[in-house]
Amino acid sequence: MKKNDIKISYDADADVMSWETTQKGKIDYATEIGNFVVHFSKDNKPLLIEVLEASKILKKSERKIEKAREHEVVGTR
């Protein structure tokens, strides 16, 4: 999928980051998995992915990435 195929947006008031796919269809149902909500079409294609409490999730991810990088640097010496 090309970069332009996905629309990413962020709602600061709700602290929700959304990814809209280029899949055609109308949202039929959604499934919540932890801080993620995935919206599907009737034929089970993901149309929209939302990250709830996005700022917290991204900060945690950033810290994990930094730790992994530190481990890689220490591990290569």
N, C-alpha and C. Protein backbone atom coordinates (compact mmCIF):
# COMPACT_ATOMS: atom_id res chain seq x y z
N MET A 1 0.84 -1.18 0.00
CA MET A 1 0.00 0.00 0.00
C MET A 1 0.89 1.24 0.00
N LYS A 2 0.61 2.17 -0.86
CA LYS A 2 1.38 3.40 -0.94
C LYS A 2 1.05 4.32 0.22
N LYS A 3 1.98 5.23 0.51
CA LYS A 3 1.79 6.17 1.61
C LYS A 3 0.51 6.98 1.44
N ASN A 4 0.19 7.37 0.21
CA ASN A 4 -0.99 8.19 -0.06
C ASN A 4 -2.29 7.41 0.05
N ASP A 5 -2.21 6.10 0.18
CA ASP A 5 -3.40 5.27 0.26
C ASP A 5 -4.05 5.32 1.64
N ILE A 6 -3.33 5.78 2.64
CA ILE A 6 -3.84 5.79 4.00
C ILE A 6 -3.97 7.23 4.48
N LYS A 7 -5.11 7.53 5.08
CA LYS A 7 -5.32 8.86 5.65
C LYS A 7 -5.18 8.73 7.16
N ILE A 8 -4.24 9.51 7.72
CA ILE A 8 -4.01 9.48 9.16
C ILE A 8 -4.42 10.83 9.73
N SER A 9 -5.19 10.78 10.82
CA SER A 9 -5.61 12.03 11.46
C SER A 9 -5.54 11.87 12.98
N TYR A 10 -5.55 13.01 13.66
CA TYR A 10 -5.48 13.00 15.12
C TYR A 10 -6.45 14.02 15.67
N ASP A 11 -7.27 13.60 16.63
CA ASP A 11 -8.21 14.48 17.32
C ASP A 11 -7.65 14.72 18.72
N ALA A 12 -7.08 15.92 18.93
CA ALA A 12 -6.43 16.23 20.21
C ALA A 12 -7.43 16.25 21.37
N ASP A 13 -8.65 16.73 21.13
CA ASP A 13 -9.65 16.78 22.20
C ASP A 13 -10.00 15.38 22.71
N ALA A 14 -10.12 14.44 21.80
CA ALA A 14 -10.48 13.07 22.17
C ALA A 14 -9.24 12.20 22.40
N ASP A 15 -8.05 12.70 21.99
CA ASP A 15 -6.79 11.95 22.05
C ASP A 15 -6.91 10.62 21.30
N VAL A 16 -7.42 10.73 20.06
CA VAL A 16 -7.63 9.56 19.21
C VAL A 16 -6.91 9.77 17.88
N MET A 17 -6.08 8.80 17.51
CA MET A 17 -5.44 8.80 16.20
C MET A 17 -6.19 7.80 15.33
N SER A 18 -6.46 8.18 14.08
CA SER A 18 -7.22 7.33 13.17
C SER A 18 -6.47 7.07 11.89
N TRP A 19 -6.57 5.84 11.40
CA TRP A 19 -6.04 5.46 10.09
C TRP A 19 -7.22 5.00 9.25
N GLU A 20 -7.42 5.66 8.12
CA GLU A 20 -8.46 5.24 7.18
C GLU A 20 -7.79 4.53 6.02
N THR A 21 -8.25 3.33 5.71
CA THR A 21 -7.68 2.58 4.59
C THR A 21 -8.39 2.98 3.30
N THR A 22 -7.87 2.50 2.19
CA THR A 22 -8.49 2.78 0.90
C THR A 22 -9.51 1.72 0.51
N GLN A 23 -9.74 0.76 1.40
CA GLN A 23 -10.73 -0.27 1.12
C GLN A 23 -12.09 0.37 0.91
N LYS A 24 -12.79 -0.08 -0.09
CA LYS A 24 -14.13 0.44 -0.38
C LYS A 24 -15.14 -0.27 0.51
N GLY A 25 -16.17 0.44 0.89
CA GLY A 25 -17.22 -0.15 1.68
C GLY A 25 -17.71 0.78 2.77
N LYS A 26 -18.76 0.35 3.39
CA LYS A 26 -19.39 1.09 4.48
C LYS A 26 -19.11 0.34 5.78
N ILE A 27 -18.83 1.07 6.84
CA ILE A 27 -18.56 0.43 8.14
C ILE A 27 -19.82 -0.29 8.60
N ASP A 28 -19.64 -1.56 8.93
CA ASP A 28 -20.75 -2.40 9.37
C ASP A 28 -20.67 -2.68 10.87
N TYR A 29 -19.45 -2.88 11.38
CA TYR A 29 -19.28 -3.16 12.80
C TYR A 29 -17.86 -2.82 13.23
N ALA A 30 -17.64 -2.79 14.53
CA ALA A 30 -16.31 -2.47 15.07
C ALA A 30 -15.98 -3.44 16.19
N THR A 31 -14.68 -3.67 16.35
CA THR A 31 -14.18 -4.52 17.43
C THR A 31 -13.14 -3.73 18.21
N GLU A 32 -13.29 -3.72 19.53
CA GLU A 32 -12.34 -3.02 20.39
C GLU A 32 -11.39 -4.04 21.00
N ILE A 33 -10.09 -3.76 20.83
CA ILE A 33 -9.05 -4.62 21.39
C ILE A 33 -8.11 -3.71 22.16
N GLY A 34 -8.27 -3.69 23.47
CA GLY A 34 -7.45 -2.78 24.29
C GLY A 34 -7.71 -1.34 23.89
N ASN A 35 -6.66 -0.64 23.51
CA ASN A 35 -6.78 0.76 23.11
C ASN A 35 -7.01 0.93 21.61
N PHE A 36 -7.32 -0.14 20.91
CA PHE A 36 -7.54 -0.08 19.47
C PHE A 36 -8.99 -0.44 19.15
N VAL A 37 -9.56 0.31 18.20
CA VAL A 37 -10.88 0.00 17.68
C VAL A 37 -10.73 -0.16 16.18
N VAL A 38 -11.10 -1.34 15.68
CA VAL A 38 -11.01 -1.61 14.26
C VAL A 38 -12.43 -1.69 13.71
N HIS A 39 -12.70 -0.88 12.68
CA HIS A 39 -14.01 -0.83 12.05
C HIS A 39 -13.95 -1.63 10.74
N PHE A 40 -14.91 -2.52 10.56
CA PHE A 40 -14.91 -3.43 9.42
C PHE A 40 -16.13 -3.21 8.52
N SER A 41 -15.96 -3.57 7.25
CA SER A 41 -17.09 -3.58 6.32
C SER A 41 -17.87 -4.88 6.53
N LYS A 42 -18.98 -4.99 5.83
CA LYS A 42 -19.82 -6.19 5.93
C LYS A 42 -19.04 -7.45 5.51
N ASP A 43 -18.09 -7.28 4.57
CA ASP A 43 -17.29 -8.43 4.12
C ASP A 43 -15.95 -8.54 4.87
N ASN A 44 -15.92 -7.99 6.09
CA ASN A 44 -14.80 -8.15 7.04
C ASN A 44 -13.50 -7.48 6.61
N LYS A 45 -13.55 -6.44 5.81
CA LYS A 45 -12.35 -5.70 5.45
C LYS A 45 -12.19 -4.54 6.43
N PRO A 46 -10.99 -4.34 6.97
CA PRO A 46 -10.79 -3.21 7.89
C PRO A 46 -10.83 -1.89 7.11
N LEU A 47 -11.67 -0.97 7.56
CA LEU A 47 -11.82 0.32 6.90
C LEU A 47 -11.22 1.46 7.71
N LEU A 48 -11.22 1.32 9.02
CA LEU A 48 -10.76 2.39 9.91
C LEU A 48 -10.17 1.76 11.16
N ILE A 49 -9.01 2.27 11.58
CA ILE A 49 -8.38 1.82 12.82
C ILE A 49 -8.18 3.05 13.70
N GLU A 50 -8.66 2.97 14.93
CA GLU A 50 -8.51 4.08 15.86
C GLU A 50 -7.64 3.64 17.04
N VAL A 51 -6.79 4.55 17.49
CA VAL A 51 -5.97 4.32 18.68
C VAL A 51 -6.50 5.27 19.76
N LEU A 52 -7.08 4.70 20.80
CA LEU A 52 -7.60 5.49 21.91
C LEU A 52 -6.45 5.84 22.84
N GLU A 53 -6.53 6.98 23.49
CA GLU A 53 -5.45 7.47 24.35
C GLU A 53 -4.13 7.43 23.58
N ALA A 54 -4.16 7.95 22.37
CA ALA A 54 -3.03 7.85 21.45
C ALA A 54 -1.73 8.42 22.02
N SER A 55 -1.81 9.55 22.71
CA SER A 55 -0.58 10.16 23.22
C SER A 55 0.12 9.24 24.22
N LYS A 56 -0.65 8.55 25.06
CA LYS A 56 -0.06 7.62 26.03
C LYS A 56 0.55 6.41 25.31
N ILE A 57 -0.17 5.88 24.35
CA ILE A 57 0.31 4.71 23.60
C ILE A 57 1.59 5.05 22.86
N LEU A 58 1.62 6.21 22.21
CA LEU A 58 2.80 6.59 21.44
C LEU A 58 4.00 6.86 22.34
N LYS A 59 3.78 7.45 23.52
CA LYS A 59 4.88 7.68 24.46
C LYS A 59 5.46 6.35 24.93
N LYS A 60 4.59 5.38 25.25
CA LYS A 60 5.07 4.06 25.67
C LYS A 60 5.86 3.41 24.56
N SER A 61 5.37 3.52 23.33
CA SER A 61 6.06 2.94 22.18
C SER A 61 7.42 3.59 21.98
N GLU A 62 7.47 4.90 22.14
CA GLU A 62 8.72 5.63 21.97
C GLU A 62 9.75 5.15 22.99
N ARG A 63 9.34 4.98 24.25
CA ARG A 63 10.26 4.51 25.29
C ARG A 63 10.76 3.10 24.99
N LYS A 64 9.88 2.24 24.49
CA LYS A 64 10.29 0.87 24.16
C LYS A 64 11.28 0.86 23.01
N ILE A 65 11.05 1.72 22.03
CA ILE A 65 11.97 1.82 20.89
C ILE A 65 13.34 2.29 21.37
N GLU A 66 13.35 3.30 22.24
CA GLU A 66 14.62 3.82 22.77
C GLU A 66 15.37 2.73 23.54
N LYS A 67 14.65 1.95 24.36
CA LYS A 67 15.29 0.87 25.12
C LYS A 67 15.85 -0.19 24.17
N ALA A 68 15.11 -0.51 23.13
CA ALA A 68 15.58 -1.51 22.16
C ALA A 68 16.83 -1.02 21.45
N ARG A 69 16.85 0.26 21.11
CA ARG A 69 18.04 0.83 20.46
C ARG A 69 19.24 0.79 21.40
N GLU A 70 19.01 1.14 22.68
CA GLU A 70 20.10 1.10 23.65
C GLU A 70 20.63 -0.33 23.79
N HIS A 71 19.74 -1.29 23.81
CA HIS A 71 20.14 -2.69 23.92
C HIS A 71 20.96 -3.12 22.71
N GLU A 72 20.55 -2.69 21.53
CA GLU A 72 21.29 -3.03 20.31
C GLU A 72 22.70 -2.45 20.34
N VAL A 73 22.81 -1.20 20.79
CA VAL A 73 24.12 -0.56 20.86
C VAL A 73 25.01 -1.26 21.87
N VAL A 74 24.46 -1.57 23.04
CA VAL A 74 25.23 -2.25 24.08
C VAL A 74 25.56 -3.66 23.62
N GLY A 75 24.64 -4.34 22.97
CA GLY A 75 24.85 -5.71 22.53
C GLY A 75 25.88 -5.85 21.42
N THR A 76 26.18 -4.79 20.69
CA THR A 76 27.11 -4.89 19.57
C THR A 76 28.54 -4.58 19.97
N ARG A 77 28.75 -4.16 21.21
CA ARG A 77 30.10 -3.79 21.66
C ARG A 77 30.88 -4.98 22.12
